Amino acid sequence: MGSVFCLSLPSSGQLLLVASVVVGLCAMAIVVIAMKWGSFWFQAYMSGANVSMASLIAMTFLRIDHRMIVTAMIMGRQAGIGKERSGGMTTARLQSHFLAGGNVMNVVRAIIAAQRAGIDLDFDRATAIDLAGRDVLHAVQTSVSPKVIHCPDNTHGGPHTLSAVAKNGVELRVAACVTVRTNLERLIGGATEETVIARVGQGIITAIGSADSHMDVLEQPSQISKGAMSNGLDANTAFAIVSIDISDIDVGENIGARLQSDQADADTRIARARAEVRRAEAVAREQQMKAKVTESKGKMVLAEAEVPAALANAFREGHLRKPNTPLLH
């Protein structure tokens, strides 16, 4: 016999129970979403910032500070940066920059400051500068309001002045104030303040070294600035030099006279050394001659000592006799 399976349909009460459970869960989910993200969504909606509820929920799972993202979007919208597509600042791009380790609020403030100052700074360049480790907001502020750096840099206990020597040998000690403005186009990969200070110092030393006299420099200190500025000192740096102003200039030592004196002393020592060599050679030659005299005297004494022996030998052999005297046998 074949078995017959009978499927019983749920009753209306069971359907109503299931429907009420589903509605209750949906209501609870809506309440939870409204309690956690509703205020942020409503705030963004009222401010005209396009931040969806799905983006807020996704930020929570990605551990992104959704409060900061919403605030950044509202700031951009209220500052008149424009809609998301035209301004280039979208919720997704802000999230990506945050996940890359960037400073979202600093980038947004920098874009707003650049727009107010009429500087062309888009979102891509601002985030690139921020991720490169540069303070993009400070760069924009410095581009609007130039900063002054001192040459030489004595913040770490270095010298307060540069030392340079004119052609007449007189030393000048100079300190300068360099006014620079940030160049946003060369901020990424451009040299820092240390390079600018080093180049300005080199330019000042070159300008003073090319002067015929230190008096010319004292009469017109501006020629130092002009000589330094003409060499393109801000090339390949993150700054544009506005001006170089001499803040202090003092007369130092007469390096030329001191070098001449040192050279004269050196020449004197060399002459003395050569004279001492000649004296030592003369003394050595004198000693050699004395040794030869002593040697000759020794030879004479030896010769004198051989005279008696020769006389005795001559006497024995009969060589010592008077003329015409016969030999005795």
C-alpha atoms as a PDB file:
ATOM      1  CA  MET A   1       0.000   0.000   0.000  1.00  0.00           C
ATOM      2  CA  GLY A   2       1.213   3.406  -0.704  1.00  0.00           C
ATOM      3  CA  SER A   3       1.474   5.842   2.102  1.00  0.00           C
ATOM      4  CA  VAL A   4      -0.227   9.166   1.820  1.00  0.00           C
ATOM      5  CA  PHE A   5       1.412  12.292   3.293  1.00  0.00           C
ATOM      6  CA  CYS A   6      -0.856  15.046   4.316  1.00  0.00           C
ATOM      7  CA  LEU A   7       0.573  18.561   4.609  1.00  0.00           C
ATOM      8  CA  SER A   8      -1.278  20.729   7.024  1.00  0.00           C
ATOM      9  CA  LEU A   9      -1.302  24.460   6.262  1.00  0.00           C
ATOM     10  CA  PRO A  10      -0.489  26.918   9.057  1.00  0.00           C
ATOM     11  CA  SER A  11      -3.423  28.442  10.703  1.00  0.00           C
ATOM     12  CA  SER A  12      -4.258  32.101  10.604  1.00  0.00           C
ATOM     13  CA  GLY A  13      -3.071  32.487  14.175  1.00  0.00           C
ATOM     14  CA  GLN A  14       0.353  31.091  13.364  1.00  0.00           C
ATOM     15  CA  LEU A  15       0.671  33.392  10.347  1.00  0.00           C
ATOM     16  CA  LEU A  16      -0.265  36.333  12.452  1.00  0.00           C
ATOM     17  CA  LEU A  17       2.314  35.356  15.053  1.00  0.00           C
ATOM     18  CA  VAL A  18       5.084  35.049  12.473  1.00  0.00           C
ATOM     19  CA  ALA A  19       4.118  38.342  10.917  1.00  0.00           C
ATOM     20  CA  SER A  20       4.116  40.059  14.272  1.00  0.00           C
ATOM     21  CA  VAL A  21       7.572  38.655  15.083  1.00  0.00           C
ATOM     22  CA  VAL A  22       8.972  39.868  11.750  1.00  0.00           C
ATOM     23  CA  VAL A  23       7.413  43.280  12.204  1.00  0.00           C
ATOM     24  CA  GLY A  24       8.767  43.436  15.717  1.00  0.00           C
ATOM     25  CA  LEU A  25      12.287  42.564  14.608  1.00  0.00           C
ATOM     26  CA  CYS A  26      12.140  45.146  11.840  1.00  0.00           C
ATOM     27  CA  ALA A  27      10.853  47.731  14.282  1.00  0.00           C
ATOM     28  CA  MET A  28      13.640  46.911  16.723  1.00  0.00           C
ATOM     29  CA  ALA A  29      16.222  47.166  13.925  1.00  0.00           C
ATOM     30  CA  ILE A  30      14.816  50.502  12.855  1.00  0.00           C
ATOM     31  CA  VAL A  31      14.874  51.738  16.432  1.00  0.00           C
ATOM     32  CA  VAL A  32      18.481  50.595  16.911  1.00  0.00           C
ATOM     33  CA  ILE A  33      19.551  52.200  13.645  1.00  0.00           C
ATOM     34  CA  ALA A  34      17.731  55.385  14.488  1.00  0.00           C
ATOM     35  CA  MET A  35      19.254  55.538  17.963  1.00  0.00           C
ATOM     36  CA  LYS A  36      22.838  54.860  16.782  1.00  0.00           C
ATOM     37  CA  TRP A  37      23.057  56.559  13.391  1.00  0.00           C
ATOM     38  CA  GLY A  38      19.826  58.483  12.965  1.00  0.00           C
ATOM     39  CA  SER A  39      21.070  61.703  14.550  1.00  0.00           C
ATOM     40  CA  PHE A  40      24.156  61.794  12.307  1.00  0.00           C
ATOM     41  CA  TRP A  41      22.147  61.048   9.196  1.00  0.00           C
ATOM     42  CA  PHE A  42      19.571  63.710  10.075  1.00  0.00           C
ATOM     43  CA  GLN A  43      22.304  66.254  10.814  1.00  0.00           C
ATOM     44  CA  ALA A  44      23.988  65.553   7.471  1.00  0.00           C
ATOM     45  CA  TYR A  45      20.641  65.647   5.642  1.00  0.00           C
ATOM     46  CA  MET A  46      19.664  68.998   7.122  1.00  0.00           C
ATOM     47  CA  SER A  47      23.096  70.434   6.245  1.00  0.00           C
ATOM     48  CA  GLY A  48      22.891  69.302   2.654  1.00  0.00           C
ATOM     49  CA  ALA A  49      25.727  66.774   2.990  1.00  0.00           C
ATOM     50  CA  ASN A  50      25.069  63.555   1.150  1.00  0.00           C
ATOM     51  CA  VAL A  51      25.809  60.883   3.760  1.00  0.00           C
ATOM     52  CA  SER A  52      23.651  57.786   3.433  1.00  0.00           C
ATOM     53  CA  MET A  53      22.556  55.532   6.251  1.00  0.00           C
ATOM     54  CA  ALA A  54      24.324  52.623   4.569  1.00  0.00           C
ATOM     55  CA  SER A  55      27.597  54.585   4.656  1.00  0.00           C
ATOM     56  CA  LEU A  56      27.171  55.247   8.379  1.00  0.00           C
ATOM     57  CA  ILE A  57      26.545  51.570   9.096  1.00  0.00           C
ATOM     58  CA  ALA A  58      29.516  50.530   6.946  1.00  0.00           C
ATOM     59  CA  MET A  59      31.762  52.999   8.783  1.00  0.00           C
ATOM     60  CA  THR A  60      30.918  51.347  12.080  1.00  0.00           C
ATOM     61  CA  PHE A  61      31.981  47.936  10.810  1.00  0.00           C
ATOM     62  CA  LEU A  62      35.150  49.435   9.296  1.00  0.00           C
ATOM     63  CA  ARG A  63      35.931  51.147  12.620  1.00  0.00           C
ATOM     64  CA  ILE A  64      35.873  54.579  11.056  1.00  0.00           C
ATOM     65  CA  ASP A  65      34.915  57.555  13.167  1.00  0.00           C
ATOM     66  CA  HIS A  66      31.610  58.333  11.478  1.00  0.00           C
ATOM     67  CA  ARG A  67      31.181  61.453  13.589  1.00  0.00           C
ATOM     68  CA  MET A  68      34.370  62.897  12.073  1.00  0.00           C
ATOM     69  CA  ILE A  69      33.369  61.955   8.515  1.00  0.00           C
ATOM     70  CA  VAL A  70      29.948  63.555   8.918  1.00  0.00           C
ATOM     71  CA  THR A  71      31.499  66.685  10.420  1.00  0.00           C
ATOM     72  CA  ALA A  72      33.986  66.899   7.545  1.00  0.00           C
ATOM     73  CA  MET A  73      31.227  66.535   4.957  1.00  0.00           C
ATOM     74  CA  ILE A  74      29.110  69.209   6.676  1.00  0.00           C
ATOM     75  CA  MET A  75      32.114  71.571   6.862  1.00  0.00           C
ATOM     76  CA  GLY A  76      32.807  71.128   3.162  1.00  0.00           C
ATOM     77  CA  ARG A  77      29.173  71.643   2.219  1.00  0.00           C
ATOM     78  CA  GLN A  78      28.719  74.694   4.423  1.00  0.00           C
ATOM     79  CA  ALA A  79      31.980  76.186   3.147  1.00  0.00           C
ATOM     80  CA  GLY A  80      30.608  76.047  -0.369  1.00  0.00           C
ATOM     81  CA  ILE A  81      33.090  73.568  -1.764  1.00  0.00           C
ATOM     82  CA  GLY A  82      30.278  72.274  -3.926  1.00  0.00           C
ATOM     83  CA  LYS A  83      28.504  69.048  -4.441  1.00  0.00           C
ATOM     84  CA  GLU A  84      30.391  65.843  -3.885  1.00  0.00           C
ATOM     85  CA  ARG A  85      31.123  65.088  -7.522  1.00  0.00           C
ATOM     86  CA  SER A  86      32.121  68.617  -8.489  1.00  0.00           C
ATOM     87  CA  GLY A  87      34.196  69.192  -5.353  1.00  0.00           C
ATOM     88  CA  GLY A  88      35.828  65.791  -5.435  1.00  0.00           C
ATOM     89  CA  MET A  89      35.173  65.218  -1.728  1.00  0.00           C
ATOM     90  CA  THR A  90      32.866  62.260  -1.283  1.00  0.00           C
ATOM     91  CA  THR A  91      32.077  60.157   1.740  1.00  0.00           C
ATOM     92  CA  ALA A  92      33.818  57.151   0.198  1.00  0.00           C
ATOM     93  CA  ARG A  93      36.985  59.164  -0.551  1.00  0.00           C
ATOM     94  CA  LEU A  94      37.078  60.554   2.976  1.00  0.00           C
ATOM     95  CA  GLN A  95      36.763  57.014   4.301  1.00  0.00           C
ATOM     96  CA  SER A  96      39.584  55.832   2.041  1.00  0.00           C
ATOM     97  CA  HIS A  97      41.830  58.678   3.206  1.00  0.00           C
ATOM     98  CA  PHE A  98      41.085  57.865   6.846  1.00  0.00           C
ATOM     99  CA  LEU A  99      41.879  54.185   6.311  1.00  0.00           C
ATOM    100  CA  ALA A 100      45.164  55.178   4.609  1.00  0.00           C
ATOM    101  CA  GLY A 101      46.226  56.951   7.787  1.00  0.00           C
ATOM    102  CA  GLY A 102      45.498  60.510   6.710  1.00  0.00           C
ATOM    103  CA  ASN A 103      44.245  63.437   8.746  1.00  0.00           C
ATOM    104  CA  VAL A 104      40.753  63.996   7.341  1.00  0.00           C
ATOM    105  CA  MET A 105      39.917  67.165   9.278  1.00  0.00           C
ATOM    106  CA  ASN A 106      43.267  68.748   8.427  1.00  0.00           C
ATOM    107  CA  VAL A 107      42.697  68.096   4.714  1.00  0.00           C
ATOM    108  CA  VAL A 108      39.186  69.549   4.782  1.00  0.00           C
ATOM    109  CA  ARG A 109      40.307  72.659   6.659  1.00  0.00           C
ATOM    110  CA  ALA A 110      43.185  73.100   4.206  1.00  0.00           C
ATOM    111  CA  ILE A 111      40.852  72.892   1.188  1.00  0.00           C
ATOM    112  CA  ILE A 112      38.488  75.419   2.757  1.00  0.00           C
ATOM    113  CA  ALA A 113      41.370  77.796   3.592  1.00  0.00           C
ATOM    114  CA  ALA A 114      42.780  77.449   0.062  1.00  0.00           C
ATOM    115  CA  GLN A 115      39.376  78.166  -1.487  1.00  0.00           C
ATOM    116  CA  ARG A 116      38.956  81.274   0.659  1.00  0.00           C
ATOM    117  CA  ALA A 117      42.434  82.482  -0.393  1.00  0.00           C
ATOM    118  CA  GLY A 118      41.875  81.747  -4.068  1.00  0.00           C
ATOM    119  CA  ILE A 119      44.502  78.975  -4.173  1.00  0.00           C
ATOM    120  CA  ASP A 120      43.935  76.048  -6.505  1.00  0.00           C
ATOM    121  CA  LEU A 121      43.994  73.023  -4.212  1.00  0.00           C
ATOM    122  CA  ASP A 122      41.824  70.045  -5.035  1.00  0.00           C
ATOM    123  CA  PHE A 123      41.071  67.035  -2.880  1.00  0.00           C
ATOM    124  CA  ASP A 124      43.550  64.725  -4.616  1.00  0.00           C
ATOM    125  CA  ARG A 125      46.511  67.072  -4.138  1.00  0.00           C
ATOM    126  CA  ALA A 126      45.547  67.849  -0.547  1.00  0.00           C
ATOM    127  CA  THR A 127      45.343  64.171   0.390  1.00  0.00           C
ATOM    128  CA  ALA A 128      48.615  63.436  -1.430  1.00  0.00           C
ATOM    129  CA  ILE A 129      50.380  66.189   0.527  1.00  0.00           C
ATOM    130  CA  ASP A 130      48.884  64.900   3.774  1.00  0.00           C
ATOM    131  CA  LEU A 131      49.900  61.288   3.117  1.00  0.00           C
ATOM    132  CA  ALA A 132      53.412  62.477   2.191  1.00  0.00           C
ATOM    133  CA  GLY A 133      53.865  63.534   5.811  1.00  0.00           C
ATOM    134  CA  ARG A 134      53.503  67.289   5.285  1.00  0.00           C
ATOM    135  CA  ASP A 135      51.095  69.478   7.236  1.00  0.00           C
ATOM    136  CA  VAL A 136      48.832  70.563   4.388  1.00  0.00           C
ATOM    137  CA  LEU A 137      46.930  73.106   6.496  1.00  0.00           C
ATOM    138  CA  HIS A 138      50.165  74.732   7.647  1.00  0.00           C
ATOM    139  CA  ALA A 139      51.374  74.731   4.043  1.00  0.00           C
ATOM    140  CA  VAL A 140      48.254  76.582   2.891  1.00  0.00           C
ATOM    141  CA  GLN A 141      48.544  79.063   5.752  1.00  0.00           C
ATOM    142  CA  THR A 142      52.219  79.660   4.905  1.00  0.00           C
ATOM    143  CA  SER A 143      51.326  80.089   1.250  1.00  0.00           C
ATOM    144  CA  VAL A 144      48.785  82.773   2.198  1.00  0.00           C
ATOM    145  CA  SER A 145      50.880  84.400   4.925  1.00  0.00           C
ATOM    146  CA  PRO A 146      54.644  84.037   4.245  1.00  0.00           C
ATOM    147  CA  LYS A 147      56.888  82.953   7.114  1.00  0.00           C
ATOM    148  CA  VAL A 148      60.310  84.199   8.118  1.00  0.00           C
ATOM    149  CA  ILE A 149      63.225  81.829   8.682  1.00  0.00           C
ATOM    150  CA  HIS A 150      66.594  82.877  10.021  1.00  0.00           C
ATOM    151  CA  CYS A 151      69.911  82.251   8.332  1.00  0.00           C
ATOM    152  CA  PRO A 152      71.864  80.709   9.915  1.00  0.00           C
ATOM    153  CA  ASP A 153      69.481  78.568  11.920  1.00  0.00           C
ATOM    154  CA  ASN A 154      70.557  78.892  15.572  1.00  0.00           C
ATOM    155  CA  THR A 155      67.613  77.087  17.128  1.00  0.00           C
ATOM    156  CA  HIS A 156      69.824  74.122  18.045  1.00  0.00           C
ATOM    157  CA  GLY A 157      72.673  76.154  19.511  1.00  0.00           C
ATOM    158  CA  GLY A 158      74.455  76.910  16.252  1.00  0.00           C
ATOM    159  CA  PRO A 159      76.250  80.133  15.318  1.00  0.00           C
ATOM    160  CA  HIS A 160      74.211  83.332  15.157  1.00  0.00           C
ATOM    161  CA  THR A 161      76.043  84.777  12.145  1.00  0.00           C
ATOM    162  CA  LEU A 162      77.686  83.683   8.911  1.00  0.00           C
ATOM    163  CA  SER A 163      81.363  84.404   8.385  1.00  0.00           C
ATOM    164  CA  ALA A 164      82.459  85.638   4.959  1.00  0.00           C
ATOM    165  CA  VAL A 165      85.635  87.355   3.717  1.00  0.00           C
ATOM    166  CA  ALA A 166      85.793  90.095   1.088  1.00  0.00           C
ATOM    167  CA  LYS A 167      88.591  90.345  -1.464  1.00  0.00           C
ATOM    168  CA  ASN A 168      90.569  92.759   0.739  1.00  0.00           C
ATOM    169  CA  GLY A 169      90.783  90.063   3.424  1.00  0.00           C
ATOM    170  CA  VAL A 170      88.396  91.605   5.989  1.00  0.00           C
ATOM    171  CA  GLU A 171      85.877  89.267   7.594  1.00  0.00           C
ATOM    172  CA  LEU A 172      82.175  90.164   7.839  1.00  0.00           C
ATOM    173  CA  ARG A 173      79.719  88.420  10.153  1.00  0.00           C
ATOM    174  CA  VAL A 174      76.222  88.489   8.674  1.00  0.00           C
ATOM    175  CA  ALA A 175      72.765  87.340   9.772  1.00  0.00           C
ATOM    176  CA  ALA A 176      69.761  87.346   7.424  1.00  0.00           C
ATOM    177  CA  CYS A 177      65.998  86.903   7.565  1.00  0.00           C
ATOM    178  CA  VAL A 178      64.537  84.918   4.674  1.00  0.00           C
ATOM    179  CA  THR A 179      60.846  85.393   3.889  1.00  0.00           C
ATOM    180  CA  VAL A 180      59.414  82.336   2.155  1.00  0.00           C
ATOM    181  CA  ARG A 181      56.031  81.239   0.843  1.00  0.00           C
ATOM    182  CA  THR A 182      55.015  77.601   0.479  1.00  0.00           C
ATOM    183  CA  ASN A 183      54.904  76.349  -3.100  1.00  0.00           C
ATOM    184  CA  LEU A 184      52.093  73.790  -3.102  1.00  0.00           C
ATOM    185  CA  GLU A 185      53.037  72.466  -6.540  1.00  0.00           C
ATOM    186  CA  ARG A 186      56.509  71.466  -5.303  1.00  0.00           C
ATOM    187  CA  LEU A 187      55.524  70.565  -1.759  1.00  0.00           C
ATOM    188  CA  ILE A 188      55.657  66.838  -2.539  1.00  0.00           C
ATOM    189  CA  GLY A 189      59.287  65.911  -3.147  1.00  0.00           C
ATOM    190  CA  GLY A 190      60.579  69.464  -2.650  1.00  0.00           C
ATOM    191  CA  ALA A 191      63.501  70.253  -0.360  1.00  0.00           C
ATOM    192  CA  THR A 192      62.791  71.519   3.135  1.00  0.00           C
ATOM    193  CA  GLU A 193      63.772  74.650   5.081  1.00  0.00           C
ATOM    194  CA  GLU A 194      67.248  73.300   5.838  1.00  0.00           C
ATOM    195  CA  THR A 195      68.102  73.311   2.134  1.00  0.00           C
ATOM    196  CA  VAL A 196      66.826  76.874   1.726  1.00  0.00           C
ATOM    197  CA  ILE A 197      68.904  78.059   4.700  1.00  0.00           C
ATOM    198  CA  ALA A 198      72.014  76.334   3.371  1.00  0.00           C
ATOM    199  CA  ARG A 199      71.585  77.809  -0.107  1.00  0.00           C
ATOM    200  CA  VAL A 200      70.953  81.305   1.229  1.00  0.00           C
ATOM    201  CA  GLY A 201      74.066  81.057   3.392  1.00  0.00           C
ATOM    202  CA  GLN A 202      76.091  79.942   0.390  1.00  0.00           C
ATOM    203  CA  GLY A 203      74.708  82.801  -1.691  1.00  0.00           C
ATOM    204  CA  ILE A 204      75.547  85.388   0.993  1.00  0.00           C
ATOM    205  CA  ILE A 205      79.108  84.091   1.363  1.00  0.00           C
ATOM    206  CA  THR A 206      79.560  84.150  -2.429  1.00  0.00           C
ATOM    207  CA  ALA A 207      78.201  87.692  -2.689  1.00  0.00           C
ATOM    208  CA  ILE A 208      80.535  88.986   0.034  1.00  0.00           C
ATOM    209  CA  GLY A 209      83.488  87.089  -1.392  1.00  0.00           C
ATOM    210  CA  SER A 210      83.005  88.744  -4.775  1.00  0.00           C
ATOM    211  CA  ALA A 211      83.075  92.263  -3.272  1.00  0.00           C
ATOM    212  CA  ASP A 212      86.346  94.162  -3.703  1.00  0.00           C
ATOM    213  CA  SER A 213      86.213  95.636  -0.205  1.00  0.00           C
ATOM    214  CA  HIS A 214      84.201  95.106   2.941  1.00  0.00           C
ATOM    215  CA  MET A 215      83.384  98.815   2.878  1.00  0.00           C
ATOM    216  CA  ASP A 216      81.395  98.284  -0.317  1.00  0.00           C
ATOM    217  CA  VAL A 217      79.272  95.710   1.476  1.00  0.00           C
ATOM    218  CA  LEU A 218      78.790  97.942   4.519  1.00  0.00           C
ATOM    219  CA  GLU A 219      77.715 100.836   2.319  1.00  0.00           C
ATOM    220  CA  GLN A 220      75.183  98.775   0.370  1.00  0.00           C
ATOM    221  CA  PRO A 221      74.070  95.629   2.233  1.00  0.00           C
ATOM    222  CA  SER A 222      71.311  95.208  -0.335  1.00  0.00           C
ATOM    223  CA  GLN A 223      73.850  93.952  -2.875  1.00  0.00           C
ATOM    224  CA  ILE A 224      74.226  90.832  -0.748  1.00  0.00           C
ATOM    225  CA  SER A 225      70.494  90.154  -1.050  1.00  0.00           C
ATOM    226  CA  LYS A 226      70.489  90.866  -4.773  1.00  0.00           C
ATOM    227  CA  GLY A 227      73.489  88.615  -5.340  1.00  0.00           C
ATOM    228  CA  ALA A 228      71.911  85.796  -3.372  1.00  0.00           C
ATOM    229  CA  MET A 229      68.472  86.146  -4.992  1.00  0.00           C
ATOM    230  CA  SER A 230      69.915  86.039  -8.512  1.00  0.00           C
ATOM    231  CA  ASN A 231      71.099  82.444  -8.110  1.00  0.00           C
ATOM    232  CA  GLY A 232      67.679  80.747  -8.008  1.00  0.00           C
ATOM    233  CA  LEU A 233      68.055  79.502  -4.448  1.00  0.00           C
ATOM    234  CA  ASP A 234      64.486  78.159  -4.237  1.00  0.00           C
ATOM    235  CA  ALA A 235      64.812  75.764  -7.175  1.00  0.00           C
ATOM    236  CA  ASN A 236      63.480  72.261  -6.419  1.00  0.00           C
ATOM    237  CA  THR A 237      62.402  73.300  -2.934  1.00  0.00           C
ATOM    238  CA  ALA A 238      58.965  73.398  -1.339  1.00  0.00           C
ATOM    239  CA  PHE A 239      59.198  77.171  -0.928  1.00  0.00           C
ATOM    240  CA  ALA A 240      59.363  80.322  -3.004  1.00  0.00           C
ATOM    241  CA  ILE A 241      61.724  82.948  -1.597  1.00  0.00           C
ATOM    242  CA  VAL A 242      59.973  86.311  -1.314  1.00  0.00           C
ATOM    243  CA  SER A 243      62.927  88.339  -0.009  1.00  0.00           C
ATOM    244  CA  ILE A 244      66.283  88.083   1.752  1.00  0.00           C
ATOM    245  CA  ASP A 245      66.900  90.867   4.265  1.00  0.00           C
ATOM    246  CA  ILE A 246      70.150  91.459   6.148  1.00  0.00           C
ATOM    247  CA  SER A 247      69.295  91.758   9.844  1.00  0.00           C
ATOM    248  CA  ASP A 248      72.815  92.103  11.266  1.00  0.00           C
ATOM    249  CA  ILE A 249      76.283  92.752   9.876  1.00  0.00           C
ATOM    250  CA  ASP A 250      79.515  93.199  11.853  1.00  0.00           C
ATOM    251  CA  VAL A 251      83.173  93.607  10.919  1.00  0.00           C
ATOM    252  CA  GLY A 252      85.330  90.744  12.126  1.00  0.00           C
ATOM    253  CA  GLU A 253      89.035  90.043  11.837  1.00  0.00           C
ATOM    254  CA  ASN A 254      91.389  91.104   9.085  1.00  0.00           C
ATOM    255  CA  ILE A 255      91.864  87.613   7.749  1.00  0.00           C
ATOM    256  CA  GLY A 256      94.146  88.784   4.931  1.00  0.00           C
ATOM    257  CA  ALA A 257      96.583  90.507   7.297  1.00  0.00           C
ATOM    258  CA  ARG A 258      96.544  87.552   9.621  1.00  0.00           C
ATOM    259  CA  LEU A 259      97.256  85.181   6.752  1.00  0.00           C
ATOM    260  CA  GLN A 260     100.109  87.391   5.578  1.00  0.00           C
ATOM    261  CA  SER A 261     101.515  87.455   9.107  1.00  0.00           C
ATOM    262  CA  ASP A 262     101.183  83.702   9.368  1.00  0.00           C
ATOM    263  CA  GLN A 263     102.858  83.347   5.983  1.00  0.00           C
ATOM    264  CA  ALA A 264     105.722  85.605   7.086  1.00  0.00           C
ATOM    265  CA  ASP A 265     106.142  83.559  10.258  1.00  0.00           C
ATOM    266  CA  ALA A 266     106.142  80.401   8.207  1.00  0.00           C
ATOM    267  CA  ASP A 267     108.734  81.833   5.815  1.00  0.00           C
ATOM    268  CA  THR A 268     110.889  82.871   8.809  1.00  0.00           C
ATOM    269  CA  ARG A 269     110.701  79.396  10.283  1.00  0.00           C
ATOM    270  CA  ILE A 270     111.595  77.888   6.922  1.00  0.00           C
ATOM    271  CA  ALA A 271     114.592  80.239   6.561  1.00  0.00           C
ATOM    272  CA  ARG A 272     115.719  79.403  10.079  1.00  0.00           C
ATOM    273  CA  ALA A 273     115.405  75.733   9.373  1.00  0.00           C
ATOM    274  CA  ARG A 274     117.437  76.060   6.184  1.00  0.00           C
ATOM    275  CA  ALA A 275     120.095  78.100   8.026  1.00  0.00           C
ATOM    276  CA  GLU A 276     120.202  75.479  10.745  1.00  0.00           C
ATOM    277  CA  VAL A 277     120.705  72.822   8.092  1.00  0.00           C
ATOM    278  CA  ARG A 278     123.574  74.773   6.567  1.00  0.00           C
ATOM    279  CA  ARG A 279     125.120  75.328  10.033  1.00  0.00           C
ATOM    280  CA  ALA A 280     124.820  71.644  10.826  1.00  0.00           C
ATOM    281  CA  GLU A 281     126.476  70.787   7.512  1.00  0.00           C
ATOM    282  CA  ALA A 282     129.315  73.218   8.248  1.00  0.00           C
ATOM    283  CA  VAL A 283     129.816  71.754  11.712  1.00  0.00           C
ATOM    284  CA  ALA A 284     129.821  68.263  10.282  1.00  0.00           C
ATOM    285  CA  ARG A 285     132.350  69.276   7.631  1.00  0.00           C
ATOM    286  CA  GLU A 286     134.536  70.880  10.339  1.00  0.00           C
ATOM    287  CA  GLN A 287     134.451  67.681  12.325  1.00  0.00           C
ATOM    288  CA  GLN A 288     135.354  65.729   9.205  1.00  0.00           C
ATOM    289  CA  MET A 289     138.398  67.986   8.594  1.00  0.00           C
ATOM    290  CA  LYS A 290     139.472  67.643  12.223  1.00  0.00           C
ATOM    291  CA  ALA A 291     139.232  63.897  11.855  1.00  0.00           C
ATOM    292  CA  LYS A 292     141.394  64.036   8.728  1.00  0.00           C
ATOM    293  CA  VAL A 293     144.009  66.177  10.557  1.00  0.00           C
ATOM    294  CA  THR A 294     144.079  63.708  13.415  1.00  0.00           C
ATOM    295  CA  GLU A 295     144.444  60.881  10.938  1.00  0.00           C
ATOM    296  CA  SER A 296     147.353  62.681   9.238  1.00  0.00           C
ATOM    297  CA  LYS A 297     149.026  63.260  12.618  1.00  0.00           C
ATOM    298  CA  GLY A 298     148.701  59.573  13.388  1.00  0.00           C
ATOM    299  CA  LYS A 299     150.281  58.662  10.099  1.00  0.00           C
ATOM    300  CA  MET A 300     153.153  61.120  10.811  1.00  0.00           C
ATOM    301  CA  VAL A 301     153.733  59.592  14.241  1.00  0.00           C
ATOM    302  CA  LEU A 302     153.859  56.141  12.692  1.00  0.00           C
ATOM    303  CA  ALA A 303     156.328  57.394  10.132  1.00  0.00           C
ATOM    304  CA  GLU A 304     158.510  58.993  12.837  1.00  0.00           C
ATOM    305  CA  ALA A 305     158.423  55.736  14.797  1.00  0.00           C
ATOM    306  CA  GLU A 306     159.865  53.886  11.788  1.00  0.00           C
ATOM    307  CA  VAL A 307     162.882  56.295  11.483  1.00  0.00           C
ATOM    308  CA  PRO A 308     165.010  54.794  14.361  1.00  0.00           C
ATOM    309  CA  ALA A 309     164.371  51.287  13.083  1.00  0.00           C
ATOM    310  CA  ALA A 310     165.439  52.342   9.608  1.00  0.00           C
ATOM    311  CA  LEU A 311     168.604  53.995  10.987  1.00  0.00           C
ATOM    312  CA  ALA A 312     169.481  50.904  12.966  1.00  0.00           C
ATOM    313  CA  ASN A 313     168.945  48.691   9.982  1.00  0.00           C
ATOM    314  CA  ALA A 314     171.039  50.978   7.826  1.00  0.00           C
ATOM    315  CA  PHE A 315     173.820  50.998  10.450  1.00  0.00           C
ATOM    316  CA  ARG A 316     173.883  47.222  10.626  1.00  0.00           C
ATOM    317  CA  GLU A 317     174.065  46.932   6.906  1.00  0.00           C
ATOM    318  CA  GLY A 318     176.889  49.485   6.803  1.00  0.00           C
ATOM    319  CA  HIS A 319     175.133  51.988   4.842  1.00  0.00           C
ATOM    320  CA  LEU A 320     176.028  54.664   7.404  1.00  0.00           C
ATOM    321  CA  ARG A 321     179.775  55.482   6.761  1.00  0.00           C
ATOM    322  CA  LYS A 322     181.960  58.336   5.737  1.00  0.00           C
ATOM    323  CA  PRO A 323     182.906  58.689   2.120  1.00  0.00           C
ATOM    324  CA  ASN A 324     186.063  56.734   0.997  1.00  0.00           C
ATOM    325  CA  THR A 325     186.009  54.714   4.269  1.00  0.00           C
ATOM    326  CA  PRO A 326     186.565  51.015   3.740  1.00  0.00           C
ATOM    327  CA  LEU A 327     184.126  48.611   5.201  1.00  0.00           C
ATOM    328  CA  LEU A 328     185.293  46.655   8.228  1.00  0.00           C
ATOM    329  CA  HIS A 329     185.068  42.937   8.043  1.00  0.00           C
END
